[in-house]
Amino acid sequence: MRKLFDSKPFSNWKSMRENENKVVQAELNRLDAIIKSLGNVAQIIAKKGL
């Protein structure tokens, strides 16, 4: 079992999965920023009574 985790293909697979997770995290961070911005816009509109 140890040989599997120490193998080059496993290392490549693990790196690929980590990179995929970084991409997903970046997308979620962008969505979070958009949602927060929309909340701020809604508060401004509510205060101005538009």
PDB file of N, CA and C in Angstrom:
ATOM      1  N   MET A   1       0.826  -1.183   0.000  1.00  0.00           N
ATOM      2  CA  MET A   1       0.000   0.000   0.000  1.00  0.00           C
ATOM      3  C   MET A   1       0.877   1.258   0.000  1.00  0.00           C
ATOM      4  N   ARG A   2       1.956   1.193   0.700  1.00  0.00           N
ATOM      5  CA  ARG A   2       2.871   2.331   0.783  1.00  0.00           C
ATOM      6  C   ARG A   2       3.428   2.694  -0.586  1.00  0.00           C
ATOM      7  N   LYS A   3       3.687   1.655  -1.408  1.00  0.00           N
ATOM      8  CA  LYS A   3       4.231   1.896  -2.743  1.00  0.00           C
ATOM      9  C   LYS A   3       3.251   2.694  -3.598  1.00  0.00           C
ATOM     10  N   LEU A   4       1.973   2.451  -3.392  1.00  0.00           N
ATOM     11  CA  LEU A   4       0.959   3.196  -4.148  1.00  0.00           C
ATOM     12  C   LEU A   4       1.040   4.682  -3.832  1.00  0.00           C
ATOM     13  N   PHE A   5       1.103   5.032  -2.556  1.00  0.00           N
ATOM     14  CA  PHE A   5       1.108   6.431  -2.156  1.00  0.00           C
ATOM     15  C   PHE A   5       2.434   7.123  -2.464  1.00  0.00           C
ATOM     16  N   ASP A   6       3.497   6.366  -2.610  1.00  0.00           N
ATOM     17  CA  ASP A   6       4.796   6.936  -2.937  1.00  0.00           C
ATOM     18  C   ASP A   6       5.058   6.967  -4.444  1.00  0.00           C
ATOM     19  N   SER A   7       4.136   6.462  -5.241  1.00  0.00           N
ATOM     20  CA  SER A   7       4.355   6.358  -6.685  1.00  0.00           C
ATOM     21  C   SER A   7       4.170   7.709  -7.377  1.00  0.00           C
ATOM     22  N   LYS A   8       4.807   7.852  -8.517  1.00  0.00           N
ATOM     23  CA  LYS A   8       4.720   9.076  -9.318  1.00  0.00           C
ATOM     24  C   LYS A   8       3.300   9.309  -9.848  1.00  0.00           C
ATOM     25  N   PRO A   9       2.607   8.277 -10.358  1.00  0.00           N
ATOM     26  CA  PRO A   9       1.235   8.502 -10.827  1.00  0.00           C
ATOM     27  C   PRO A   9       0.304   9.014  -9.725  1.00  0.00           C
ATOM     28  N   PHE A  10       0.474   8.475  -8.517  1.00  0.00           N
ATOM     29  CA  PHE A  10      -0.355   8.953  -7.411  1.00  0.00           C
ATOM     30  C   PHE A  10      -0.022  10.400  -7.085  1.00  0.00           C
ATOM     31  N   SER A  11       1.241  10.731  -7.101  1.00  0.00           N
ATOM     32  CA  SER A  11       1.664  12.105  -6.843  1.00  0.00           C
ATOM     33  C   SER A  11       1.090  13.057  -7.897  1.00  0.00           C
ATOM     34  N   ASN A  12       1.117  12.631  -9.153  1.00  0.00           N
ATOM     35  CA  ASN A  12       0.538  13.447 -10.226  1.00  0.00           C
ATOM     36  C   ASN A  12      -0.965  13.617 -10.037  1.00  0.00           C
ATOM     37  N   TRP A  13      -1.647  12.528  -9.682  1.00  0.00           N
ATOM     38  CA  TRP A  13      -3.088  12.588  -9.461  1.00  0.00           C
ATOM     39  C   TRP A  13      -3.414  13.528  -8.301  1.00  0.00           C
ATOM     40  N   LYS A  14      -2.623  13.418  -7.247  1.00  0.00           N
ATOM     41  CA  LYS A  14      -2.845  14.262  -6.074  1.00  0.00           C
ATOM     42  C   LYS A  14      -2.649  15.738  -6.416  1.00  0.00           C
ATOM     43  N   SER A  15      -1.617  16.045  -7.183  1.00  0.00           N
ATOM     44  CA  SER A  15      -1.378  17.434  -7.605  1.00  0.00           C
ATOM     45  C   SER A  15      -2.523  17.943  -8.469  1.00  0.00           C
ATOM     46  N   MET A  16      -3.007  17.093  -9.366  1.00  0.00           N
ATOM     47  CA  MET A  16      -4.113  17.480 -10.229  1.00  0.00           C
ATOM     48  C   MET A  16      -5.359  17.791  -9.400  1.00  0.00           C
ATOM     49  N   ARG A  17      -5.641  16.956  -8.431  1.00  0.00           N
ATOM     50  CA  ARG A  17      -6.816  17.181  -7.568  1.00  0.00           C
ATOM     51  C   ARG A  17      -6.664  18.466  -6.752  1.00  0.00           C
ATOM     52  N   GLU A  18      -5.472  18.735  -6.261  1.00  0.00           N
ATOM     53  CA  GLU A  18      -5.232  19.954  -5.496  1.00  0.00           C
ATOM     54  C   GLU A  18      -5.438  21.182  -6.379  1.00  0.00           C
ATOM     55  N   ASN A  19      -4.982  21.112  -7.627  1.00  0.00           N
ATOM     56  CA  ASN A  19      -5.183  22.231  -8.547  1.00  0.00           C
ATOM     57  C   ASN A  19      -6.657  22.431  -8.872  1.00  0.00           C
ATOM     58  N   GLU A  20      -7.390  21.338  -9.041  1.00  0.00           N
ATOM     59  CA  GLU A  20      -8.824  21.446  -9.280  1.00  0.00           C
ATOM     60  C   GLU A  20      -9.513  22.105  -8.092  1.00  0.00           C
ATOM     61  N   ASN A  21      -9.101  21.740  -6.884  1.00  0.00           N
ATOM     62  CA  ASN A  21      -9.688  22.335  -5.686  1.00  0.00           C
ATOM     63  C   ASN A  21      -9.379  23.820  -5.591  1.00  0.00           C
ATOM     64  N   LYS A  22      -8.193  24.226  -6.017  1.00  0.00           N
ATOM     65  CA  LYS A  22      -7.842  25.647  -6.009  1.00  0.00           C
ATOM     66  C   LYS A  22      -8.717  26.429  -6.971  1.00  0.00           C
ATOM     67  N   VAL A  23      -9.006  25.842  -8.130  1.00  0.00           N
ATOM     68  CA  VAL A  23      -9.876  26.499  -9.113  1.00  0.00           C
ATOM     69  C   VAL A  23     -11.286  26.656  -8.545  1.00  0.00           C
ATOM     70  N   VAL A  24     -11.795  25.609  -7.940  1.00  0.00           N
ATOM     71  CA  VAL A  24     -13.135  25.664  -7.350  1.00  0.00           C
ATOM     72  C   VAL A  24     -13.175  26.709  -6.232  1.00  0.00           C
ATOM     73  N   GLN A  25     -12.149  26.751  -5.418  1.00  0.00           N
ATOM     74  CA  GLN A  25     -12.098  27.730  -4.330  1.00  0.00           C
ATOM     75  C   GLN A  25     -12.071  29.150  -4.877  1.00  0.00           C
ATOM     76  N   ALA A  26     -11.333  29.386  -5.945  1.00  0.00           N
ATOM     77  CA  ALA A  26     -11.279  30.715  -6.557  1.00  0.00           C
ATOM     78  C   ALA A  26     -12.656  31.110  -7.089  1.00  0.00           C
ATOM     79  N   GLU A  27     -13.359  30.168  -7.714  1.00  0.00           N
ATOM     80  CA  GLU A  27     -14.706  30.453  -8.216  1.00  0.00           C
ATOM     81  C   GLU A  27     -15.651  30.793  -7.067  1.00  0.00           C
ATOM     82  N   LEU A  28     -15.555  30.038  -5.982  1.00  0.00           N
ATOM     83  CA  LEU A  28     -16.416  30.307  -4.831  1.00  0.00           C
ATOM     84  C   LEU A  28     -16.099  31.652  -4.196  1.00  0.00           C
ATOM     85  N   ASN A  29     -14.827  32.024  -4.164  1.00  0.00           N
ATOM     86  CA  ASN A  29     -14.462  33.328  -3.619  1.00  0.00           C
ATOM     87  C   ASN A  29     -15.035  34.452  -4.466  1.00  0.00           C
ATOM     88  N   ARG A  30     -15.014  34.286  -5.793  1.00  0.00           N
ATOM     89  CA  ARG A  30     -15.593  35.301  -6.680  1.00  0.00           C
ATOM     90  C   ARG A  30     -17.092  35.406  -6.473  1.00  0.00           C
ATOM     91  N   LEU A  31     -17.771  34.258  -6.376  1.00  0.00           N
ATOM     92  CA  LEU A  31     -19.211  34.271  -6.131  1.00  0.00           C
ATOM     93  C   LEU A  31     -19.535  34.926  -4.794  1.00  0.00           C
ATOM     94  N   ASP A  32     -18.725  34.657  -3.796  1.00  0.00           N
ATOM     95  CA  ASP A  32     -18.923  35.275  -2.488  1.00  0.00           C
ATOM     96  C   ASP A  32     -18.796  36.788  -2.575  1.00  0.00           C
ATOM     97  N   ALA A  33     -17.811  37.264  -3.327  1.00  0.00           N
ATOM     98  CA  ALA A  33     -17.627  38.710  -3.499  1.00  0.00           C
ATOM     99  C   ALA A  33     -18.818  39.324  -4.223  1.00  0.00           C
ATOM    100  N   ILE A  34     -19.337  38.635  -5.224  1.00  0.00           N
ATOM    101  CA  ILE A  34     -20.498  39.141  -5.959  1.00  0.00           C
ATOM    102  C   ILE A  34     -21.717  39.224  -5.047  1.00  0.00           C
ATOM    103  N   ILE A  35     -21.935  38.196  -4.252  1.00  0.00           N
ATOM    104  CA  ILE A  35     -23.084  38.183  -3.345  1.00  0.00           C
ATOM    105  C   ILE A  35     -22.973  39.303  -2.323  1.00  0.00           C
ATOM    106  N   LYS A  36     -21.780  39.504  -1.781  1.00  0.00           N
ATOM    107  CA  LYS A  36     -21.589  40.599  -0.824  1.00  0.00           C
ATOM    108  C   LYS A  36     -21.821  41.951  -1.480  1.00  0.00           C
ATOM    109  N   SER A  37     -21.363  42.105  -2.716  1.00  0.00           N
ATOM    110  CA  SER A  37     -21.557  43.359  -3.437  1.00  0.00           C
ATOM    111  C   SER A  37     -23.035  43.611  -3.703  1.00  0.00           C
ATOM    112  N   LEU A  38     -23.752  42.575  -4.071  1.00  0.00           N
ATOM    113  CA  LEU A  38     -25.191  42.727  -4.292  1.00  0.00           C
ATOM    114  C   LEU A  38     -25.908  43.118  -2.997  1.00  0.00           C
ATOM    115  N   GLY A  39     -25.456  42.577  -1.889  1.00  0.00           N
ATOM    116  CA  GLY A  39     -26.023  42.965  -0.596  1.00  0.00           C
ATOM    117  C   GLY A  39     -25.780  44.428  -0.307  1.00  0.00           C
ATOM    118  N   ASN A  40     -24.576  44.910  -0.633  1.00  0.00           N
ATOM    119  CA  ASN A  40     -24.272  46.329  -0.421  1.00  0.00           C
ATOM    120  C   ASN A  40     -25.132  47.204  -1.317  1.00  0.00           C
ATOM    121  N   VAL A  41     -25.318  46.807  -2.560  1.00  0.00           N
ATOM    122  CA  VAL A  41     -26.170  47.569  -3.488  1.00  0.00           C
ATOM    123  C   VAL A  41     -27.595  47.604  -2.963  1.00  0.00           C
ATOM    124  N   ALA A  42     -28.084  46.486  -2.471  1.00  0.00           N
ATOM    125  CA  ALA A  42     -29.443  46.434  -1.929  1.00  0.00           C
ATOM    126  C   ALA A  42     -29.596  47.361  -0.732  1.00  0.00           C
ATOM    127  N   GLN A  43     -28.576  47.433   0.125  1.00  0.00           N
ATOM    128  CA  GLN A  43     -28.641  48.334   1.271  1.00  0.00           C
ATOM    129  C   GLN A  43     -28.660  49.789   0.828  1.00  0.00           C
ATOM    130  N   ILE A  44     -27.870  50.131  -0.156  1.00  0.00           N
ATOM    131  CA  ILE A  44     -27.839  51.507  -0.665  1.00  0.00           C
ATOM    132  C   ILE A  44     -29.181  51.878  -1.276  1.00  0.00           C
ATOM    133  N   ILE A  45     -29.738  50.971  -2.060  1.00  0.00           N
ATOM    134  CA  ILE A  45     -31.043  51.236  -2.671  1.00  0.00           C
ATOM    135  C   ILE A  45     -32.111  51.392  -1.600  1.00  0.00           C
ATOM    136  N   ALA A  46     -32.057  50.566  -0.564  1.00  0.00           N
ATOM    137  CA  ALA A  46     -33.041  50.640   0.520  1.00  0.00           C
ATOM    138  C   ALA A  46     -32.929  51.976   1.250  1.00  0.00           C
ATOM    139  N   LYS A  47     -31.723  52.471   1.462  1.00  0.00           N
ATOM    140  CA  LYS A  47     -31.539  53.741   2.167  1.00  0.00           C
ATOM    141  C   LYS A  47     -32.018  54.926   1.332  1.00  0.00           C
ATOM    142  N   LYS A  48     -31.822  54.844   0.015  1.00  0.00           N
ATOM    143  CA  LYS A  48     -32.211  55.952  -0.856  1.00  0.00           C
ATOM    144  C   LYS A  48     -33.673  55.868  -1.257  1.00  0.00           C
ATOM    145  N   GLY A  49     -34.280  54.726  -1.070  1.00  0.00           N
ATOM    146  CA  GLY A  49     -35.688  54.574  -1.376  1.00  0.00           C
ATOM    147  C   GLY A  49     -35.980  54.531  -2.871  1.00  0.00           C
ATOM    148  N   LEU A  50     -35.103  53.947  -3.629  1.00  0.00           N
ATOM    149  CA  LEU A  50     -35.326  53.881  -5.080  1.00  0.00           C
ATOM    150  C   LEU A  50     -36.300  52.805  -5.436  1.00  0.00           C
TER     151      LEU A  50
END
